[in-house]
């Protein structure tokens, strides 16, 4: 398709028909600001007429503004050098460049016989950036777990069709979603977050962040004992009730169980027993509640330790065990060092005497012991090692027979 600009006159050579008529390809257009739009159009006219003037006009509140004219001098100054007309038979398509918000309105094609396309076509301009709109069946403005919720990505005035959209949640792209609408059927607490959308690879088109605030009743309720569930008599005990909820739980209640009986003993997020006594032993749980519902924690057991068996005795016992172990290690090391300093020949002498000594049956063990004590140990040579001496000593023992 060729277009004729505003620099010359367009004389139509369209084939005439019995009636004048104008057809528009679309009744409405939506484009981004700064883009180019084509208003698709065809026309016919009765036989015997010669068309000399073609023009496009825009409807204004008090007059018709010429946006294209066969005579360039007739074009409104705001549209000069921005409009072109298709230069083909029966084709009156208008191309408008550099679309702005002031171009919003209804446009008509007309030729000099006075025949005007009755319907016209409407141009709307999508103004960036995008924005996120919430669609919900709730009238109070709150979103609750289980609701059907849609988030729509749109621009001011209108949203062009066929555009590729990128969605973001908490700053992270959602690459698998390219549609203009996010559907949560139903919505859950995990969907809570800030959402935005925009054109692919275009930061300037990204919408401001929209907070999807999903409300839900308390869950994951737990009761925590500080400093511990096993506590010494006379110490301070604090019980802390925690939960996840939106809005946050406004009421916390603490209960104690005595067999099958349940007693409420306190309120609030924290409950403190300044001085713990034996009567504080038992089972406890808490209940968290907000405007949407409530949930209780699991039961925990608190045991108060008798002062007759204080914790420091356990420490003393552990310390004594450690000292005993350290003493054994010290004695062992001292013995090994002392043996290493003895002459190796002394051990050789001992082993030789032992190997030459054979006990006869009936010989008393005391006599054997005395003979070993009376052995003379000669001086040792420095080249022999302690490990060899122990080996020889072991071999010599095989020759000793005790009755």
Protein backbone atom coordinates (compact mmCIF):
# COMPACT_ATOMS: atom_id res chain seq x y z
CA UNK A 1 0.00 0.00 0.00
CA UNK A 2 1.28 3.43 -0.96
CA UNK A 3 0.43 6.61 0.81
CA UNK A 4 0.23 10.16 -0.46
CA UNK A 5 1.44 12.80 1.95
CA UNK A 6 0.16 16.28 2.48
CA UNK A 7 2.45 17.76 -0.14
CA UNK A 8 0.21 17.17 -3.16
CA UNK A 9 -3.34 16.78 -4.40
CA UNK A 10 -4.85 13.30 -4.66
CA UNK A 11 -7.29 12.88 -7.57
CA UNK A 12 -9.19 9.66 -7.19
CA UNK A 13 -9.64 7.39 -10.17
CA UNK A 14 -11.78 4.93 -8.25
CA UNK A 15 -14.34 2.90 -10.15
CA UNK A 16 -17.74 4.54 -9.78
CA UNK A 17 -20.84 2.76 -8.51
CA UNK A 18 -24.52 3.64 -8.29
CA UNK A 19 -24.30 4.79 -4.66
CA UNK A 20 -21.85 6.71 -2.52
CA UNK A 21 -20.58 4.74 0.41
CA UNK A 22 -17.70 4.61 2.89
CA UNK A 23 -16.63 1.54 4.86
CA UNK A 24 -14.30 1.53 7.86
CA UNK A 25 -12.22 -1.50 8.69
CA UNK A 26 -12.66 -0.97 12.43
CA UNK A 27 -14.95 1.16 14.52
CA UNK A 28 -12.32 1.72 17.20
CA UNK A 29 -8.54 1.79 17.54
CA UNK A 30 -6.31 1.76 20.59
CA UNK A 31 -2.60 2.48 20.19
CA UNK A 32 0.29 3.57 22.36
CA UNK A 33 1.33 7.17 22.60
CA UNK A 34 4.04 7.99 20.05
CA UNK A 35 3.13 5.14 17.69
CA UNK A 36 1.60 5.14 14.17
CA UNK A 37 -1.94 4.03 13.37
CA UNK A 38 -3.70 3.21 10.08
CA UNK A 39 -7.44 3.92 9.81
CA UNK A 40 -8.56 1.27 7.30
CA UNK A 41 -11.11 2.68 4.84
CA UNK A 42 -12.67 2.05 1.39
CA UNK A 43 -15.27 4.03 -0.56
CA UNK A 44 -17.43 4.13 -3.72
CA UNK A 45 -19.33 6.90 -5.54
CA UNK A 46 -22.06 7.13 -8.21
CA UNK A 47 -21.30 6.97 -11.90
CA UNK A 48 -20.88 10.30 -13.63
CA UNK A 49 -19.05 11.93 -10.76
CA UNK A 50 -15.42 12.86 -10.68
CA UNK A 51 -13.81 13.05 -7.26
CA UNK A 52 -11.42 15.97 -6.90
CA UNK A 53 -11.16 16.44 -3.13
CA UNK A 54 -10.56 13.81 -0.48
CA UNK A 55 -10.31 14.64 3.20
CA UNK A 56 -10.34 13.22 6.71
CA UNK A 57 -11.91 15.23 9.51
CA UNK A 58 -11.95 14.89 13.27
CA UNK A 59 -15.05 15.65 15.28
CA UNK A 60 -14.53 18.43 17.80
CA UNK A 61 -17.12 19.84 20.24
CA UNK A 62 -17.92 22.86 18.06
CA UNK A 63 -16.47 22.11 14.62
CA UNK A 64 -14.84 19.55 12.33
CA UNK A 65 -11.04 19.68 12.23
CA UNK A 66 -9.40 18.71 8.90
CA UNK A 67 -6.61 16.21 9.66
CA UNK A 68 -6.00 15.42 5.96
CA UNK A 69 -7.01 17.36 2.81
CA UNK A 70 -6.16 17.20 -0.85
CA UNK A 71 -5.22 20.84 -0.44
CA UNK A 72 -2.41 20.86 2.16
CA UNK A 73 -3.26 24.43 3.14
CA UNK A 74 -6.58 23.22 4.52
CA UNK A 75 -5.00 20.80 7.01
CA UNK A 76 -5.03 21.85 10.65
CA UNK A 77 -1.57 22.86 11.82
CA UNK A 78 -1.49 20.19 14.53
CA UNK A 79 -1.76 17.43 11.87
CA UNK A 80 0.49 18.75 9.11
CA UNK A 81 3.29 16.36 8.18
CA UNK A 82 1.68 13.73 10.41
CA UNK A 83 -0.98 12.32 8.05
CA UNK A 84 -0.85 10.34 4.80
CA UNK A 85 -3.57 8.94 2.56
CA UNK A 86 -3.38 5.63 0.69
CA UNK A 87 -2.84 6.23 -3.03
CA UNK A 88 -4.93 3.33 -4.37
CA UNK A 89 -8.32 2.96 -6.03
CA UNK A 90 -11.23 2.88 -3.61
CA UNK A 91 -8.79 2.99 -0.69
CA UNK A 92 -9.13 5.90 1.69
CA UNK A 93 -6.94 4.52 4.50
CA UNK A 94 -5.38 7.27 6.61
CA UNK A 95 -2.02 6.89 8.34
CA UNK A 96 -1.44 9.05 11.42
CA UNK A 97 2.09 9.37 12.87
CA UNK A 98 3.31 10.33 16.37
CA UNK A 99 0.01 9.71 18.09
CA UNK A 100 -0.58 11.84 21.17
CA UNK A 101 -3.32 12.15 23.78
CA UNK A 102 -4.78 15.13 21.92
CA UNK A 103 -5.55 12.82 18.98
CA UNK A 104 -8.20 10.95 20.96
CA UNK A 105 -11.56 11.27 19.22
CA UNK A 106 -13.76 10.26 16.28
CA UNK A 107 -12.60 10.54 12.65
CA UNK A 108 -14.55 10.57 9.36
CA UNK A 109 -13.61 10.29 5.69
CA UNK A 110 -15.34 12.62 3.18
CA UNK A 111 -15.07 13.38 -0.55
CA UNK A 112 -16.21 16.55 -2.32
CA UNK A 113 -19.70 15.38 -3.32
CA UNK A 114 -20.67 15.83 0.29
CA UNK A 115 -20.98 12.16 1.01
CA UNK A 116 -19.65 11.31 4.48
CA UNK A 117 -19.09 7.92 6.06
CA UNK A 118 -21.89 7.92 8.58
CA UNK A 119 -20.32 5.69 11.19
CA UNK A 120 -16.77 7.02 11.30
CA UNK A 121 -13.98 5.43 13.30
CA UNK A 122 -12.82 6.25 16.80
CA UNK A 123 -9.20 6.59 17.87
CA UNK A 124 -8.16 6.09 21.47
CA UNK A 125 -4.63 6.50 22.81
CA UNK A 126 -3.14 4.17 25.39
CA UNK A 127 -1.10 6.23 27.83
CA UNK A 128 1.87 4.51 29.45
CA UNK A 129 2.86 3.28 31.93
CA UNK A 130 0.63 0.28 32.52
CA UNK A 131 -1.38 -0.09 35.68
CA UNK A 132 -2.68 -3.12 37.58
CA UNK A 133 -6.41 -3.26 38.23
CA UNK A 134 -8.05 -5.62 40.72
CA UNK A 135 -11.21 -7.48 39.75
CA UNK A 136 -13.06 -9.21 42.59
CA UNK A 137 -16.62 -9.96 43.62
CA UNK A 138 -16.03 -8.41 47.04
CA UNK A 139 -17.50 -5.00 47.71
CA UNK A 140 -15.62 -4.25 50.94
CA UNK A 141 -12.27 -3.95 49.14
CA UNK A 142 -10.64 -6.74 51.16
CA UNK A 143 -9.28 -9.95 49.66
CA UNK A 144 -9.70 -13.06 51.76
CA UNK A 145 -8.24 -16.54 51.34
CA UNK A 146 -10.46 -18.57 49.02
CA UNK A 147 -11.78 -15.60 46.97
CA UNK A 148 -11.78 -15.53 43.17
CA UNK A 149 -9.43 -12.71 42.14
CA UNK A 150 -8.14 -11.38 38.80
CA UNK A 151 -5.37 -8.84 38.22
CA UNK A 152 -5.57 -7.04 34.86
CA UNK A 153 -2.71 -5.20 33.17
CA UNK A 154 -4.03 -2.15 31.33
CA UNK A 155 -3.21 1.39 30.29
CA UNK A 156 -5.13 4.62 30.72
CA UNK A 157 -8.04 5.09 28.25
CA UNK A 158 -7.58 1.71 26.55
CA UNK A 159 -5.23 -1.24 26.14
CA UNK A 160 -3.99 -2.33 22.70
CA UNK A 161 -4.67 -5.93 21.79
CA UNK A 162 -1.96 -8.45 20.91
CA UNK A 163 0.77 -6.91 23.07
CA UNK A 164 3.25 -9.14 24.93
CA UNK A 165 3.00 -8.53 28.67
CA UNK A 166 5.53 -9.40 31.40
CA UNK A 167 4.30 -9.81 34.98
CA UNK A 168 6.43 -9.30 38.09
CA UNK A 169 5.91 -10.44 41.67
CA UNK A 170 8.04 -8.82 44.38
CA UNK A 171 10.51 -7.70 41.69
CA UNK A 172 10.90 -11.16 40.13
CA UNK A 173 9.60 -11.78 36.56
CA UNK A 174 6.93 -14.45 36.03
CA UNK A 175 8.23 -15.72 32.66
CA UNK A 176 5.46 -18.25 31.95
CA UNK A 177 2.65 -15.68 32.10
CA UNK A 178 2.21 -13.46 29.01
CA UNK A 179 -1.51 -12.71 29.20
CA UNK A 180 -2.93 -9.37 30.31
CA UNK A 181 -4.81 -11.07 33.13
CA UNK A 182 -3.59 -12.99 36.19
CA UNK A 183 -6.25 -15.29 37.64
CA UNK A 184 -6.26 -16.61 41.20
CA UNK A 185 -9.00 -19.22 41.51
CA UNK A 186 -8.92 -19.29 44.46
CA UNK A 187 -6.43 -16.91 46.02
CA UNK A 188 -4.21 -18.19 48.86
CA UNK A 189 -1.82 -16.64 51.41
CA UNK A 190 1.12 -17.64 49.19
CA UNK A 191 -0.21 -15.20 46.54
CA UNK A 192 0.36 -12.27 48.90
CA UNK A 193 2.85 -9.82 47.38
CA UNK A 194 3.45 -6.78 45.17
CA UNK A 195 2.63 -7.18 41.48
CA UNK A 196 3.50 -5.10 38.40
CA UNK A 197 3.29 -5.54 34.63
CA UNK A 198 4.66 -3.94 31.47
CA UNK A 199 5.73 -4.47 27.89
CA UNK A 200 8.46 -7.02 27.27
CA UNK A 201 11.95 -5.50 27.69
CA UNK A 202 10.56 -2.03 28.46
CA UNK A 203 11.24 -0.54 31.86
CA UNK A 204 9.39 2.73 31.16
CA UNK A 205 6.13 0.86 30.56
CA UNK A 206 6.15 -0.99 33.90
CA UNK A 207 3.18 -0.26 36.12
CA UNK A 208 3.49 0.97 39.70
CA UNK A 209 3.53 -1.86 42.22
CA UNK A 210 0.15 -3.15 43.33
CA UNK A 211 -0.10 -4.93 46.69
CA UNK A 212 -2.29 -8.02 46.66
CA UNK A 213 -3.14 -8.13 50.35
CA UNK A 214 -4.57 -11.57 51.10
CA UNK A 215 -6.22 -11.83 54.52
CA UNK A 216 -6.32 -15.15 56.37
CA UNK A 217 -6.96 -16.56 59.84
CA UNK A 218 -4.11 -17.60 62.20
CA UNK A 219 -2.03 -20.65 61.31
CA UNK A 220 1.27 -22.26 62.34
CA UNK A 221 0.51 -21.39 65.96
CA UNK A 222 3.26 -22.46 68.38
CA UNK A 223 4.02 -22.08 72.09
CA UNK A 224 7.67 -21.52 73.04
CA UNK A 225 9.12 -21.84 76.56
CA UNK A 226 12.00 -19.58 77.53
CA UNK A 227 14.65 -20.39 78.67
CA UNK A 228 13.59 -24.08 78.38
CA UNK A 229 10.80 -26.54 79.11
CA UNK A 230 12.94 -28.07 81.88
CA UNK A 231 13.46 -25.30 84.39
CA UNK A 232 14.90 -25.10 87.88
CA UNK A 233 12.68 -24.32 90.84
CA UNK A 234 12.77 -20.59 91.65
CA UNK A 235 13.75 -19.36 88.17
CA UNK A 236 11.69 -17.19 85.82
CA UNK A 237 9.69 -18.81 82.99
CA UNK A 238 8.28 -16.99 79.94
CA UNK A 239 5.80 -18.61 77.55
CA UNK A 240 5.57 -17.01 74.08
CA UNK A 241 2.68 -17.67 71.67
CA UNK A 242 3.49 -17.11 67.97
CA UNK A 243 1.39 -17.37 64.80
CA UNK A 244 1.14 -16.36 61.13
CA UNK A 245 -1.99 -14.34 60.28
CA UNK A 246 -3.21 -11.38 58.22
CA UNK A 247 -4.24 -9.21 59.90
CA UNK A 248 -1.99 -10.25 62.79
CA UNK A 249 -3.66 -12.09 65.64
CA UNK A 250 -5.13 -9.54 68.03
CA UNK A 251 -5.92 -11.96 70.86
CA UNK A 252 -3.70 -14.60 72.47
CA UNK A 253 -4.93 -16.88 75.28
CA UNK A 254 -2.84 -19.30 77.38
CA UNK A 255 -4.27 -22.51 78.82
CA UNK A 256 -3.07 -25.17 81.28
CA UNK A 257 -4.27 -28.77 81.30
CA UNK A 258 -4.84 -30.77 84.44
CA UNK A 259 -5.86 -34.22 83.35
CA UNK A 260 -8.99 -33.71 81.25
CA UNK A 261 -9.63 -30.24 82.68
CA UNK A 262 -8.49 -27.11 80.84
CA UNK A 263 -7.97 -23.75 82.59
CA UNK A 264 -7.26 -20.35 81.05
CA UNK A 265 -4.39 -18.84 82.99
CA UNK A 266 -3.44 -15.76 80.95
CA UNK A 267 -3.77 -13.48 77.94
CA UNK A 268 -1.34 -11.82 75.60
CA UNK A 269 1.52 -12.70 73.31
CA UNK A 270 3.88 -13.28 76.29
CA UNK A 271 3.09 -14.81 79.67
CA UNK A 272 5.72 -14.70 82.45
CA UNK A 273 5.95 -16.64 85.72
CA UNK A 274 8.44 -14.61 87.83
CA UNK A 275 9.21 -17.42 90.32
CA UNK A 276 8.57 -20.97 89.15
CA UNK A 277 7.38 -23.53 91.69
CA UNK A 278 6.52 -27.23 91.61
CA UNK A 279 2.88 -26.38 90.93
CA UNK A 280 3.84 -24.84 87.57
CA UNK A 281 4.77 -28.23 86.12
CA UNK A 282 2.23 -29.46 83.60
CA UNK A 283 0.94 -29.21 80.04
CA UNK A 284 0.28 -25.88 78.31
CA UNK A 285 -1.05 -24.60 74.96
CA UNK A 286 -2.15 -21.25 73.52
CA UNK A 287 -4.87 -19.93 71.17
CA UNK A 288 -4.36 -17.18 68.54
CA UNK A 289 -7.34 -15.30 67.10
CA UNK A 290 -8.08 -12.49 64.60
CA UNK A 291 -11.23 -11.26 62.87
CA UNK A 292 -11.21 -14.19 60.42
CA UNK A 293 -10.81 -17.10 62.83
CA UNK A 294 -8.59 -18.82 65.38
CA UNK A 295 -6.19 -21.73 65.85
CA UNK A 296 -4.51 -23.32 68.88
CA UNK A 297 -0.96 -24.58 69.27
CA UNK A 298 0.16 -28.09 70.11
CA UNK A 299 0.61 -29.01 73.78
CA UNK A 300 4.00 -28.63 75.47
CA UNK A 301 5.10 -30.02 78.84
CA UNK A 302 6.84 -27.86 81.46
CA UNK A 303 8.82 -29.68 84.18
CA UNK A 304 10.11 -27.85 87.22
CA UNK A 305 13.34 -29.41 88.52
CA UNK A 306 13.56 -30.10 92.26
CA UNK A 307 16.10 -27.88 94.09
CA UNK A 308 17.48 -31.00 95.88
CA UNK A 309 19.09 -32.03 92.64
CA UNK A 310 20.34 -28.71 91.32
CA UNK A 311 21.96 -28.36 87.99
CA UNK A 312 25.38 -27.48 89.41
CA UNK A 313 25.83 -31.06 90.73
CA UNK A 314 25.71 -32.30 87.19
CA UNK A 315 28.46 -29.85 86.35
CA UNK A 316 30.59 -30.99 89.30
CA UNK A 317 30.24 -34.61 88.27
CA UNK A 318 31.25 -33.83 84.74
CA UNK A 319 34.28 -31.83 85.96
CA UNK A 320 35.48 -34.68 88.21
CA UNK A 321 35.22 -37.12 85.33
CA UNK A 322 37.28 -34.82 83.14
CA UNK A 323 39.97 -34.43 85.84
CA UNK A 324 40.20 -38.19 86.31
CA UNK A 325 40.64 -38.74 82.61
CA UNK A 326 43.34 -36.04 82.46
CA UNK A 327 45.22 -37.70 85.36
CA UNK A 328 45.26 -41.08 83.63
CA UNK A 329 46.60 -39.54 80.45
CA UNK A 330 49.34 -37.69 82.38
CA UNK A 331 50.54 -40.83 84.21
CA UNK A 332 50.62 -42.81 80.98
CA UNK A 333 52.70 -40.17 79.21
CA UNK A 334 55.12 -39.96 82.16
CA UNK A 335 55.64 -43.73 82.13
CA UNK A 336 56.32 -43.82 78.37
CA UNK A 337 58.83 -40.95 78.61
CA UNK A 338 60.67 -42.63 81.49
CA UNK A 339 60.93 -45.94 79.62
CA UNK A 340 62.31 -44.12 76.56
CA UNK A 341 65.18 -42.68 78.66
CA UNK A 342 66.35 -46.16 79.97
CA UNK A 343 69.47 -47.74 78.17
CA UNK A 344 68.45 -50.27 75.57
CA UNK A 345 71.17 -52.75 76.69
CA UNK A 346 69.51 -53.00 80.08
CA UNK A 347 66.45 -54.40 78.42
CA UNK A 348 68.66 -56.76 76.38
CA UNK A 349 70.22 -58.09 79.59
CA UNK A 350 66.86 -58.66 81.12
CA UNK A 351 65.68 -60.56 78.11
CA UNK A 352 68.83 -62.73 77.96
CA UNK A 353 68.61 -63.72 81.65
CA UNK A 354 64.91 -64.44 81.30
CA UNK A 355 65.50 -66.59 78.23
CA UNK A 356 68.16 -68.63 80.14
CA UNK A 357 65.92 -69.15 83.14
CA UNK A 358 63.70 -72.21 83.04
CA UNK A 359 61.39 -72.85 85.98
CA UNK A 360 61.12 -76.40 87.12
CA UNK A 361 57.87 -77.94 88.22
CA UNK A 362 57.09 -77.18 91.84
CA UNK A 363 59.11 -73.99 91.87
CA UNK A 364 57.28 -71.34 93.85
CA UNK A 365 56.30 -68.16 92.09
CA UNK A 366 58.03 -66.17 94.79
CA UNK A 367 61.32 -67.81 93.97
CA UNK A 368 60.92 -66.88 90.32
CA UNK A 369 60.18 -63.33 91.27
CA UNK A 370 63.23 -63.17 93.55
CA UNK A 371 65.58 -64.39 90.88
CA UNK A 372 64.39 -61.67 88.54
CA UNK A 373 64.98 -59.01 91.17
CA UNK A 374 68.55 -60.17 91.64
CA UNK A 375 69.43 -59.75 87.97
CA UNK A 376 72.29 -57.36 87.19
CA UNK A 377 71.39 -55.01 84.31
CA UNK A 378 74.38 -54.04 82.14
CA UNK A 379 74.78 -50.79 80.30
CA UNK A 380 72.97 -50.51 76.94
CA UNK A 381 74.16 -49.45 73.51
CA UNK A 382 72.57 -46.30 72.07
CA UNK A 383 71.86 -47.82 68.64
CA UNK A 384 69.13 -50.22 69.79
CA UNK A 385 65.56 -48.97 69.79
CA UNK A 386 62.85 -49.28 72.41
CA UNK A 387 60.52 -51.07 70.02
CA UNK A 388 63.11 -53.86 69.39
CA UNK A 389 63.60 -54.32 73.15
CA UNK A 390 59.87 -54.75 73.67
CA UNK A 391 59.81 -57.29 70.85
CA UNK A 392 62.67 -59.34 72.36
CA UNK A 393 61.10 -59.13 75.80
CA UNK A 394 57.90 -60.55 74.40
CA UNK A 395 59.79 -63.41 72.67
CA UNK A 396 61.73 -64.30 75.84
CA UNK A 397 58.49 -64.59 77.83
CA UNK A 398 57.55 -67.61 75.75
CA UNK A 399 60.35 -69.59 77.44
CA UNK A 400 59.05 -69.03 80.98
CA UNK A 401 56.88 -71.79 82.27
CA UNK A 402 54.98 -71.47 85.51
CA UNK A 403 53.90 -74.60 87.36
